[in-house]
Amino acid sequence: MAKTIDLAAKPEKITDEQLKEVQQIISISNQIKLEVGNAEARKHALLHELDIVNKKMGELNSKLEEEYGKMDVDIQTGTITYAKNEQADS
């Protein structure tokens, strides 16, 4: 069977309106990707800061435990609650 060849001229470009629409959509997409990247970078920085704070809290807990023994502290009043059979180590 013989191949048919289409000799009709085909458009070489999309219309200016279509090009503008494509460019606008790509621009919006790029802006969203940039904002997501910025949000992820900020998230990473915040998680790093949280890790530092958690380490400081762990160090403080260790110091308090050395001084007072096993206990809980009311963070509003500073009142110490010892577990049953526990006393202050002073």
PDB file of N, CA and C in Angstrom:
ATOM      1  N   MET A   1       0.836  -1.170   0.000  1.00  0.00           N
ATOM      2  CA  MET A   1       0.000   0.000   0.000  1.00  0.00           C
ATOM      3  C   MET A   1       0.888   1.242   0.000  1.00  0.00           C
ATOM      4  N   ALA A   2       0.548   2.206  -0.771  1.00  0.00           N
ATOM      5  CA  ALA A   2       1.347   3.414  -0.958  1.00  0.00           C
ATOM      6  C   ALA A   2       1.081   4.406   0.165  1.00  0.00           C
ATOM      7  N   LYS A   3       2.132   5.109   0.563  1.00  0.00           N
ATOM      8  CA  LYS A   3       1.996   6.146   1.585  1.00  0.00           C
ATOM      9  C   LYS A   3       1.441   7.394   0.941  1.00  0.00           C
ATOM     10  N   THR A   4       0.584   8.086   1.715  1.00  0.00           N
ATOM     11  CA  THR A   4       0.098   9.369   1.225  1.00  0.00           C
ATOM     12  C   THR A   4       0.900  10.470   1.888  1.00  0.00           C
ATOM     13  N   ILE A   5       1.253  11.441   1.134  1.00  0.00           N
ATOM     14  CA  ILE A   5       2.046  12.554   1.631  1.00  0.00           C
ATOM     15  C   ILE A   5       1.152  13.776   1.700  1.00  0.00           C
ATOM     16  N   ASP A   6       1.135  14.406   2.873  1.00  0.00           N
ATOM     17  CA  ASP A   6       0.332  15.616   3.072  1.00  0.00           C
ATOM     18  C   ASP A   6       1.157  16.803   2.623  1.00  0.00           C
ATOM     19  N   LEU A   7       0.757  17.448   1.572  1.00  0.00           N
ATOM     20  CA  LEU A   7       1.502  18.568   1.017  1.00  0.00           C
ATOM     21  C   LEU A   7       0.989  19.917   1.509  1.00  0.00           C
ATOM     22  N   ALA A   8      -0.059  19.894   2.339  1.00  0.00           N
ATOM     23  CA  ALA A   8      -0.607  21.154   2.844  1.00  0.00           C
ATOM     24  C   ALA A   8       0.388  21.787   3.812  1.00  0.00           C
ATOM     25  N   ALA A   9       0.504  23.065   3.743  1.00  0.00           N
ATOM     26  CA  ALA A   9       1.416  23.802   4.614  1.00  0.00           C
ATOM     27  C   ALA A   9       0.926  23.715   6.054  1.00  0.00           C
ATOM     28  N   LYS A  10       1.845  23.428   6.964  1.00  0.00           N
ATOM     29  CA  LYS A  10       1.498  23.339   8.384  1.00  0.00           C
ATOM     30  C   LYS A  10       1.995  24.592   9.080  1.00  0.00           C
ATOM     31  N   PRO A  11       1.255  25.040  10.099  1.00  0.00           N
ATOM     32  CA  PRO A  11       1.681  26.246  10.814  1.00  0.00           C
ATOM     33  C   PRO A  11       3.055  26.035  11.443  1.00  0.00           C
ATOM     34  N   GLU A  12       3.859  27.077  11.452  1.00  0.00           N
ATOM     35  CA  GLU A  12       5.192  27.005  12.030  1.00  0.00           C
ATOM     36  C   GLU A  12       5.230  27.557  13.459  1.00  0.00           C
ATOM     37  N   LYS A  13       4.197  28.279  13.860  1.00  0.00           N
ATOM     38  CA  LYS A  13       4.152  28.874  15.193  1.00  0.00           C
ATOM     39  C   LYS A  13       2.729  28.818  15.728  1.00  0.00           C
ATOM     40  N   ILE A  14       2.625  28.849  17.060  1.00  0.00           N
ATOM     41  CA  ILE A  14       1.300  29.008  17.649  1.00  0.00           C
ATOM     42  C   ILE A  14       0.964  30.497  17.600  1.00  0.00           C
ATOM     43  N   THR A  15      -0.275  30.818  17.866  1.00  0.00           N
ATOM     44  CA  THR A  15      -0.671  32.231  17.810  1.00  0.00           C
ATOM     45  C   THR A  15      -0.035  33.000  18.968  1.00  0.00           C
ATOM     46  N   ASP A  16       0.040  34.300  18.810  1.00  0.00           N
ATOM     47  CA  ASP A  16       0.603  35.147  19.878  1.00  0.00           C
ATOM     48  C   ASP A  16      -0.206  35.002  21.164  1.00  0.00           C
ATOM     49  N   GLU A  17      -1.511  34.890  21.034  1.00  0.00           N
ATOM     50  CA  GLU A  17      -2.383  34.718  22.203  1.00  0.00           C
ATOM     51  C   GLU A  17      -2.075  33.390  22.907  1.00  0.00           C
ATOM     52  N   GLN A  18      -1.911  32.314  22.135  1.00  0.00           N
ATOM     53  CA  GLN A  18      -1.581  31.017  22.713  1.00  0.00           C
ATOM     54  C   GLN A  18      -0.201  31.040  23.373  1.00  0.00           C
ATOM     55  N   LEU A  19       0.754  31.701  22.723  1.00  0.00           N
ATOM     56  CA  LEU A  19       2.095  31.812  23.279  1.00  0.00           C
ATOM     57  C   LEU A  19       2.066  32.558  24.609  1.00  0.00           C
ATOM     58  N   LYS A  20       1.302  33.660  24.639  1.00  0.00           N
ATOM     59  CA  LYS A  20       1.182  34.441  25.857  1.00  0.00           C
ATOM     60  C   LYS A  20       0.573  33.596  26.976  1.00  0.00           C
ATOM     61  N   GLU A  21      -0.427  32.805  26.666  1.00  0.00           N
ATOM     62  CA  GLU A  21      -1.077  31.951  27.662  1.00  0.00           C
ATOM     63  C   GLU A  21      -0.102  30.883  28.175  1.00  0.00           C
ATOM     64  N   VAL A  22       0.643  30.263  27.288  1.00  0.00           N
ATOM     65  CA  VAL A  22       1.634  29.253  27.686  1.00  0.00           C
ATOM     66  C   VAL A  22       2.685  29.894  28.589  1.00  0.00           C
ATOM     67  N   GLN A  23       3.188  31.056  28.204  1.00  0.00           N
ATOM     68  CA  GLN A  23       4.211  31.737  28.993  1.00  0.00           C
ATOM     69  C   GLN A  23       3.684  32.125  30.377  1.00  0.00           C
ATOM     70  N   GLN A  24       2.436  32.564  30.417  1.00  0.00           N
ATOM     71  CA  GLN A  24       1.830  32.958  31.686  1.00  0.00           C
ATOM     72  C   GLN A  24       1.696  31.749  32.614  1.00  0.00           C
ATOM     73  N   ILE A  25       1.244  30.630  32.080  1.00  0.00           N
ATOM     74  CA  ILE A  25       1.077  29.424  32.899  1.00  0.00           C
ATOM     75  C   ILE A  25       2.433  28.929  33.404  1.00  0.00           C
ATOM     76  N   ILE A  26       3.441  28.945  32.546  1.00  0.00           N
ATOM     77  CA  ILE A  26       4.777  28.518  32.959  1.00  0.00           C
ATOM     78  C   ILE A  26       5.339  29.458  34.014  1.00  0.00           C
ATOM     79  N   SER A  27       5.089  30.741  33.878  1.00  0.00           N
ATOM     80  CA  SER A  27       5.553  31.723  34.862  1.00  0.00           C
ATOM     81  C   SER A  27       4.901  31.465  36.220  1.00  0.00           C
ATOM     82  N   ILE A  28       3.604  31.205  36.231  1.00  0.00           N
ATOM     83  CA  ILE A  28       2.897  30.898  37.487  1.00  0.00           C
ATOM     84  C   ILE A  28       3.464  29.622  38.106  1.00  0.00           C
ATOM     85  N   SER A  29       3.677  28.618  37.287  1.00  0.00           N
ATOM     86  CA  SER A  29       4.237  27.353  37.760  1.00  0.00           C
ATOM     87  C   SER A  29       5.614  27.573  38.388  1.00  0.00           C
ATOM     88  N   ASN A  30       6.459  28.352  37.730  1.00  0.00           N
ATOM     89  CA  ASN A  30       7.800  28.636  38.248  1.00  0.00           C
ATOM     90  C   ASN A  30       7.738  29.404  39.564  1.00  0.00           C
ATOM     91  N   GLN A  31       6.808  30.344  39.669  1.00  0.00           N
ATOM     92  CA  GLN A  31       6.660  31.121  40.896  1.00  0.00           C
ATOM     93  C   GLN A  31       6.232  30.214  42.049  1.00  0.00           C
ATOM     94  N   ILE A  32       5.310  29.309  41.781  1.00  0.00           N
ATOM     95  CA  ILE A  32       4.852  28.369  42.809  1.00  0.00           C
ATOM     96  C   ILE A  32       6.014  27.480  43.258  1.00  0.00           C
ATOM     97  N   LYS A  33       6.788  26.988  42.300  1.00  0.00           N
ATOM     98  CA  LYS A  33       7.942  26.146  42.642  1.00  0.00           C
ATOM     99  C   LYS A  33       8.949  26.911  43.489  1.00  0.00           C
ATOM    100  N   LEU A  34       9.163  28.181  43.172  1.00  0.00           N
ATOM    101  CA  LEU A  34      10.077  29.014  43.942  1.00  0.00           C
ATOM    102  C   LEU A  34       9.573  29.182  45.374  1.00  0.00           C
ATOM    103  N   GLU A  35       8.278  29.453  45.519  1.00  0.00           N
ATOM    104  CA  GLU A  35       7.694  29.622  46.843  1.00  0.00           C
ATOM    105  C   GLU A  35       7.761  28.331  47.652  1.00  0.00           C
ATOM    106  N   VAL A  36       7.521  27.188  47.011  1.00  0.00           N
ATOM    107  CA  VAL A  36       7.625  25.897  47.694  1.00  0.00           C
ATOM    108  C   VAL A  36       9.065  25.673  48.151  1.00  0.00           C
ATOM    109  N   GLY A  37      10.013  25.990  47.289  1.00  0.00           N
ATOM    110  CA  GLY A  37      11.426  25.865  47.657  1.00  0.00           C
ATOM    111  C   GLY A  37      11.782  26.735  48.844  1.00  0.00           C
ATOM    112  N   ASN A  38      11.300  27.970  48.844  1.00  0.00           N
ATOM    113  CA  ASN A  38      11.551  28.876  49.964  1.00  0.00           C
ATOM    114  C   ASN A  38      10.926  28.343  51.250  1.00  0.00           C
ATOM    115  N   ALA A  39       9.712  27.800  51.137  1.00  0.00           N
ATOM    116  CA  ALA A  39       9.036  27.241  52.306  1.00  0.00           C
ATOM    117  C   ALA A  39       9.814  26.035  52.843  1.00  0.00           C
ATOM    118  N   GLU A  40      10.303  25.191  51.959  1.00  0.00           N
ATOM    119  CA  GLU A  40      11.088  24.030  52.387  1.00  0.00           C
ATOM    120  C   GLU A  40      12.394  24.458  53.035  1.00  0.00           C
ATOM    121  N   ALA A  41      13.034  25.483  52.494  1.00  0.00           N
ATOM    122  CA  ALA A  41      14.276  25.980  53.089  1.00  0.00           C
ATOM    123  C   ALA A  41      13.998  26.532  54.481  1.00  0.00           C
ATOM    124  N   ARG A  42      12.921  27.263  54.637  1.00  0.00           N
ATOM    125  CA  ARG A  42      12.535  27.814  55.948  1.00  0.00           C
ATOM    126  C   ARG A  42      12.197  26.681  56.915  1.00  0.00           C
ATOM    127  N   LYS A  43      11.495  25.673  56.414  1.00  0.00           N
ATOM    128  CA  LYS A  43      11.158  24.511  57.237  1.00  0.00           C
ATOM    129  C   LYS A  43      12.440  23.838  57.736  1.00  0.00           C
ATOM    130  N   HIS A  44      13.409  23.669  56.857  1.00  0.00           N
ATOM    131  CA  HIS A  44      14.676  23.038  57.233  1.00  0.00           C
ATOM    132  C   HIS A  44      15.367  23.855  58.326  1.00  0.00           C
ATOM    133  N   ALA A  45      15.396  25.167  58.141  1.00  0.00           N
ATOM    134  CA  ALA A  45      16.035  26.036  59.128  1.00  0.00           C
ATOM    135  C   ALA A  45      15.318  25.947  60.477  1.00  0.00           C
ATOM    136  N   LEU A  46      13.998  25.937  60.451  1.00  0.00           N
ATOM    137  CA  LEU A  46      13.231  25.844  61.696  1.00  0.00           C
ATOM    138  C   LEU A  46      13.458  24.506  62.395  1.00  0.00           C
ATOM    139  N   LEU A  47      13.508  23.429  61.621  1.00  0.00           N
ATOM    140  CA  LEU A  47      13.766  22.122  62.220  1.00  0.00           C
ATOM    141  C   LEU A  47      15.157  22.076  62.847  1.00  0.00           C
ATOM    142  N   HIS A  48      16.124  22.732  62.219  1.00  0.00           N
ATOM    143  CA  HIS A  48      17.468  22.808  62.781  1.00  0.00           C
ATOM    144  C   HIS A  48      17.440  23.583  64.102  1.00  0.00           C
ATOM    145  N   GLU A  49      16.726  24.704  64.124  1.00  0.00           N
ATOM    146  CA  GLU A  49      16.601  25.492  65.355  1.00  0.00           C
ATOM    147  C   GLU A  49      15.917  24.678  66.451  1.00  0.00           C
ATOM    148  N   LEU A  50      14.893  23.928  66.083  1.00  0.00           N
ATOM    149  CA  LEU A  50      14.174  23.090  67.053  1.00  0.00           C
ATOM    150  C   LEU A  50      15.103  22.033  67.634  1.00  0.00           C
ATOM    151  N   ASP A  51      15.961  21.458  66.813  1.00  0.00           N
ATOM    152  CA  ASP A  51      16.918  20.465  67.289  1.00  0.00           C
ATOM    153  C   ASP A  51      17.853  21.091  68.327  1.00  0.00           C
ATOM    154  N   ILE A  52      18.312  22.306  68.067  1.00  0.00           N
ATOM    155  CA  ILE A  52      19.189  23.007  69.012  1.00  0.00           C
ATOM    156  C   ILE A  52      18.468  23.248  70.337  1.00  0.00           C
ATOM    157  N   VAL A  53      17.221  23.695  70.263  1.00  0.00           N
ATOM    158  CA  VAL A  53      16.432  23.956  71.474  1.00  0.00           C
ATOM    159  C   VAL A  53      16.208  22.652  72.247  1.00  0.00           C
ATOM    160  N   ASN A  54      15.904  21.574  71.536  1.00  0.00           N
ATOM    161  CA  ASN A  54      15.693  20.285  72.201  1.00  0.00           C
ATOM    162  C   ASN A  54      16.962  19.808  72.908  1.00  0.00           C
ATOM    163  N   LYS A  55      18.124  20.027  72.298  1.00  0.00           N
ATOM    164  CA  LYS A  55      19.387  19.655  72.939  1.00  0.00           C
ATOM    165  C   LYS A  55      19.615  20.481  74.199  1.00  0.00           C
ATOM    166  N   LYS A  56      19.313  21.789  74.129  1.00  0.00           N
ATOM    167  CA  LYS A  56      19.454  22.651  75.307  1.00  0.00           C
ATOM    168  C   LYS A  56      18.520  22.177  76.426  1.00  0.00           C
ATOM    169  N   MET A  57      17.288  21.781  76.057  1.00  0.00           N
ATOM    170  CA  MET A  57      16.336  21.301  77.066  1.00  0.00           C
ATOM    171  C   MET A  57      16.848  20.013  77.685  1.00  0.00           C
ATOM    172  N   GLY A  58      17.428  19.144  76.888  1.00  0.00           N
ATOM    173  CA  GLY A  58      17.990  17.899  77.408  1.00  0.00           C
ATOM    174  C   GLY A  58      19.125  18.169  78.385  1.00  0.00           C
ATOM    175  N   GLU A  59      19.985  19.123  78.040  1.00  0.00           N
ATOM    176  CA  GLU A  59      21.094  19.492  78.931  1.00  0.00           C
ATOM    177  C   GLU A  59      20.569  20.067  80.238  1.00  0.00           C
ATOM    178  N   LEU A  60      19.558  20.934  80.154  1.00  0.00           N
ATOM    179  CA  LEU A  60      18.981  21.519  81.357  1.00  0.00           C
ATOM    180  C   LEU A  60      18.317  20.447  82.214  1.00  0.00           C
ATOM    181  N   ASN A  61      17.598  19.530  81.586  1.00  0.00           N
ATOM    182  CA  ASN A  61      16.969  18.435  82.331  1.00  0.00           C
ATOM    183  C   ASN A  61      18.017  17.624  83.085  1.00  0.00           C
ATOM    184  N   SER A  62      19.144  17.360  82.436  1.00  0.00           N
ATOM    185  CA  SER A  62      20.219  16.604  83.085  1.00  0.00           C
ATOM    186  C   SER A  62      20.760  17.353  84.293  1.00  0.00           C
ATOM    187  N   LYS A  63      20.976  18.662  84.144  1.00  0.00           N
ATOM    188  CA  LYS A  63      21.469  19.474  85.268  1.00  0.00           C
ATOM    189  C   LYS A  63      20.472  19.476  86.426  1.00  0.00           C
ATOM    190  N   LEU A  64      19.186  19.650  86.086  1.00  0.00           N
ATOM    191  CA  LEU A  64      18.166  19.668  87.138  1.00  0.00           C
ATOM    192  C   LEU A  64      18.078  18.312  87.832  1.00  0.00           C
ATOM    193  N   GLU A  65      18.194  17.254  87.062  1.00  0.00           N
ATOM    194  CA  GLU A  65      18.129  15.908  87.640  1.00  0.00           C
ATOM    195  C   GLU A  65      19.333  15.655  88.552  1.00  0.00           C
ATOM    196  N   GLU A  66      20.504  16.161  88.180  1.00  0.00           N
ATOM    197  CA  GLU A  66      21.686  16.027  89.039  1.00  0.00           C
ATOM    198  C   GLU A  66      21.457  16.734  90.375  1.00  0.00           C
ATOM    199  N   GLU A  67      20.840  17.913  90.299  1.00  0.00           N
ATOM    200  CA  GLU A  67      20.642  18.705  91.502  1.00  0.00           C
ATOM    201  C   GLU A  67      19.476  18.221  92.354  1.00  0.00           C
ATOM    202  N   TYR A  68      18.363  17.817  91.701  1.00  0.00           N
ATOM    203  CA  TYR A  68      17.137  17.506  92.444  1.00  0.00           C
ATOM    204  C   TYR A  68      16.742  16.030  92.394  1.00  0.00           C
ATOM    205  N   GLY A  69      17.385  15.239  91.567  1.00  0.00           N
ATOM    206  CA  GLY A  69      16.979  13.847  91.392  1.00  0.00           C
ATOM    207  C   GLY A  69      15.830  13.765  90.400  1.00  0.00           C
ATOM    208  N   LYS A  70      15.276  12.563  90.276  1.00  0.00           N
ATOM    209  CA  LYS A  70      14.157  12.362  89.350  1.00  0.00           C
ATOM    210  C   LYS A  70      12.936  13.111  89.870  1.00  0.00           C
ATOM    211  N   MET A  71      12.383  13.948  89.020  1.00  0.00           N
ATOM    212  CA  MET A  71      11.234  14.747  89.437  1.00  0.00           C
ATOM    213  C   MET A  71      10.573  15.345  88.209  1.00  0.00           C
ATOM    214  N   ASP A  72       9.414  15.921  88.435  1.00  0.00           N
ATOM    215  CA  ASP A  72       8.708  16.701  87.419  1.00  0.00           C
ATOM    216  C   ASP A  72       8.616  18.127  87.932  1.00  0.00           C
ATOM    217  N   VAL A  73       8.633  19.080  87.008  1.00  0.00           N
ATOM    218  CA  VAL A  73       8.529  20.485  87.377  1.00  0.00           C
ATOM    219  C   VAL A  73       7.313  21.084  86.697  1.00  0.00           C
ATOM    220  N   ASP A  74       6.495  21.777  87.473  1.00  0.00           N
ATOM    221  CA  ASP A  74       5.381  22.534  86.914  1.00  0.00           C
ATOM    222  C   ASP A  74       5.983  23.763  86.241  1.00  0.00           C
ATOM    223  N   ILE A  75       5.867  23.863  84.933  1.00  0.00           N
ATOM    224  CA  ILE A  75       6.540  24.953  84.225  1.00  0.00           C
ATOM    225  C   ILE A  75       5.879  26.311  84.446  1.00  0.00           C
ATOM    226  N   GLN A  76       4.725  26.332  85.081  1.00  0.00           N
ATOM    227  CA  GLN A  76       4.081  27.607  85.408  1.00  0.00           C
ATOM    228  C   GLN A  76       4.570  28.147  86.749  1.00  0.00           C
ATOM    229  N   THR A  77       4.750  27.244  87.723  1.00  0.00           N
ATOM    230  CA  THR A  77       5.071  27.690  89.080  1.00  0.00           C
ATOM    231  C   THR A  77       6.473  27.302  89.534  1.00  0.00           C
ATOM    232  N   GLY A  78       7.087  26.322  88.883  1.00  0.00           N
ATOM    233  CA  GLY A  78       8.392  25.841  89.317  1.00  0.00           C
ATOM    234  C   GLY A  78       8.305  24.795  90.417  1.00  0.00           C
ATOM    235  N   THR A  79       7.114  24.423  90.796  1.00  0.00           N
ATOM    236  CA  THR A  79       6.915  23.434  91.851  1.00  0.00           C
ATOM    237  C   THR A  79       7.417  22.070  91.402  1.00  0.00           C
ATOM    238  N   ILE A  80       8.161  21.434  92.307  1.00  0.00           N
ATOM    239  CA  ILE A  80       8.722  20.113  92.019  1.00  0.00           C
ATOM    240  C   ILE A  80       7.779  19.047  92.550  1.00  0.00           C
ATOM    241  N   THR A  81       7.543  18.026  91.747  1.00  0.00           N
ATOM    242  CA  THR A  81       6.789  16.856  92.168  1.00  0.00           C
ATOM    243  C   THR A  81       7.706  15.656  92.019  1.00  0.00           C
ATOM    244  N   TYR A  82       7.971  14.987  93.160  1.00  0.00           N
ATOM    245  CA  TYR A  82       8.832  13.805  93.127  1.00  0.00           C
ATOM    246  C   TYR A  82       7.975  12.562  92.950  1.00  0.00           C
ATOM    247  N   ALA A  83       8.533  11.581  92.318  1.00  0.00           N
ATOM    248  CA  ALA A  83       7.865  10.299  92.197  1.00  0.00           C
ATOM    249  C   ALA A  83       7.795   9.681  93.596  1.00  0.00           C
ATOM    250  N   LYS A  84       6.881   8.772  93.809  1.00  0.00           N
ATOM    251  CA  LYS A  84       6.791   8.106  95.115  1.00  0.00           C
ATOM    252  C   LYS A  84       8.131   7.467  95.437  1.00  0.00           C
ATOM    253  N   ASN A  85       8.506   7.491  96.706  1.00  0.00           N
ATOM    254  CA  ASN A  85       9.768   6.919  97.186  1.00  0.00           C
ATOM    255  C   ASN A  85      10.977   7.724  96.721  1.00  0.00           C
ATOM    256  N   GLU A  86      10.793   8.933  96.234  1.00  0.00           N
ATOM    257  CA  GLU A  86      11.916   9.781  95.831  1.00  0.00           C
ATOM    258  C   GLU A  86      11.967  10.971  96.765  1.00  0.00           C
ATOM    259  N   GLN A  87      13.150  11.409  97.104  1.00  0.00           N
ATOM    260  CA  GLN A  87      13.350  12.597  97.923  1.00  0.00           C
ATOM    261  C   GLN A  87      14.369  13.478  97.226  1.00  0.00           C
ATOM    262  N   ALA A  88      14.449  14.719  97.634  1.00  0.00           N
ATOM    263  CA  ALA A  88      15.464  15.630  97.105  1.00  0.00           C
ATOM    264  C   ALA A  88      16.832  15.106  97.504  1.00  0.00           C
ATOM    265  N   ASP A  89      17.824  15.293  96.656  1.00  0.00           N
ATOM    266  CA  ASP A  89      19.175  14.796  96.926  1.00  0.00           C
ATOM    267  C   ASP A  89      20.020  15.779  97.745  1.00  0.00           C
ATOM    268  N   SER A  90      19.376  16.739  98.428  1.00  0.00           N
ATOM    269  CA  SER A  90      20.181  17.722  99.159  1.00  0.00           C
ATOM    270  C   SER A  90      20.329  17.370 100.601  1.00  0.00           C
TER     271      SER A  90
END
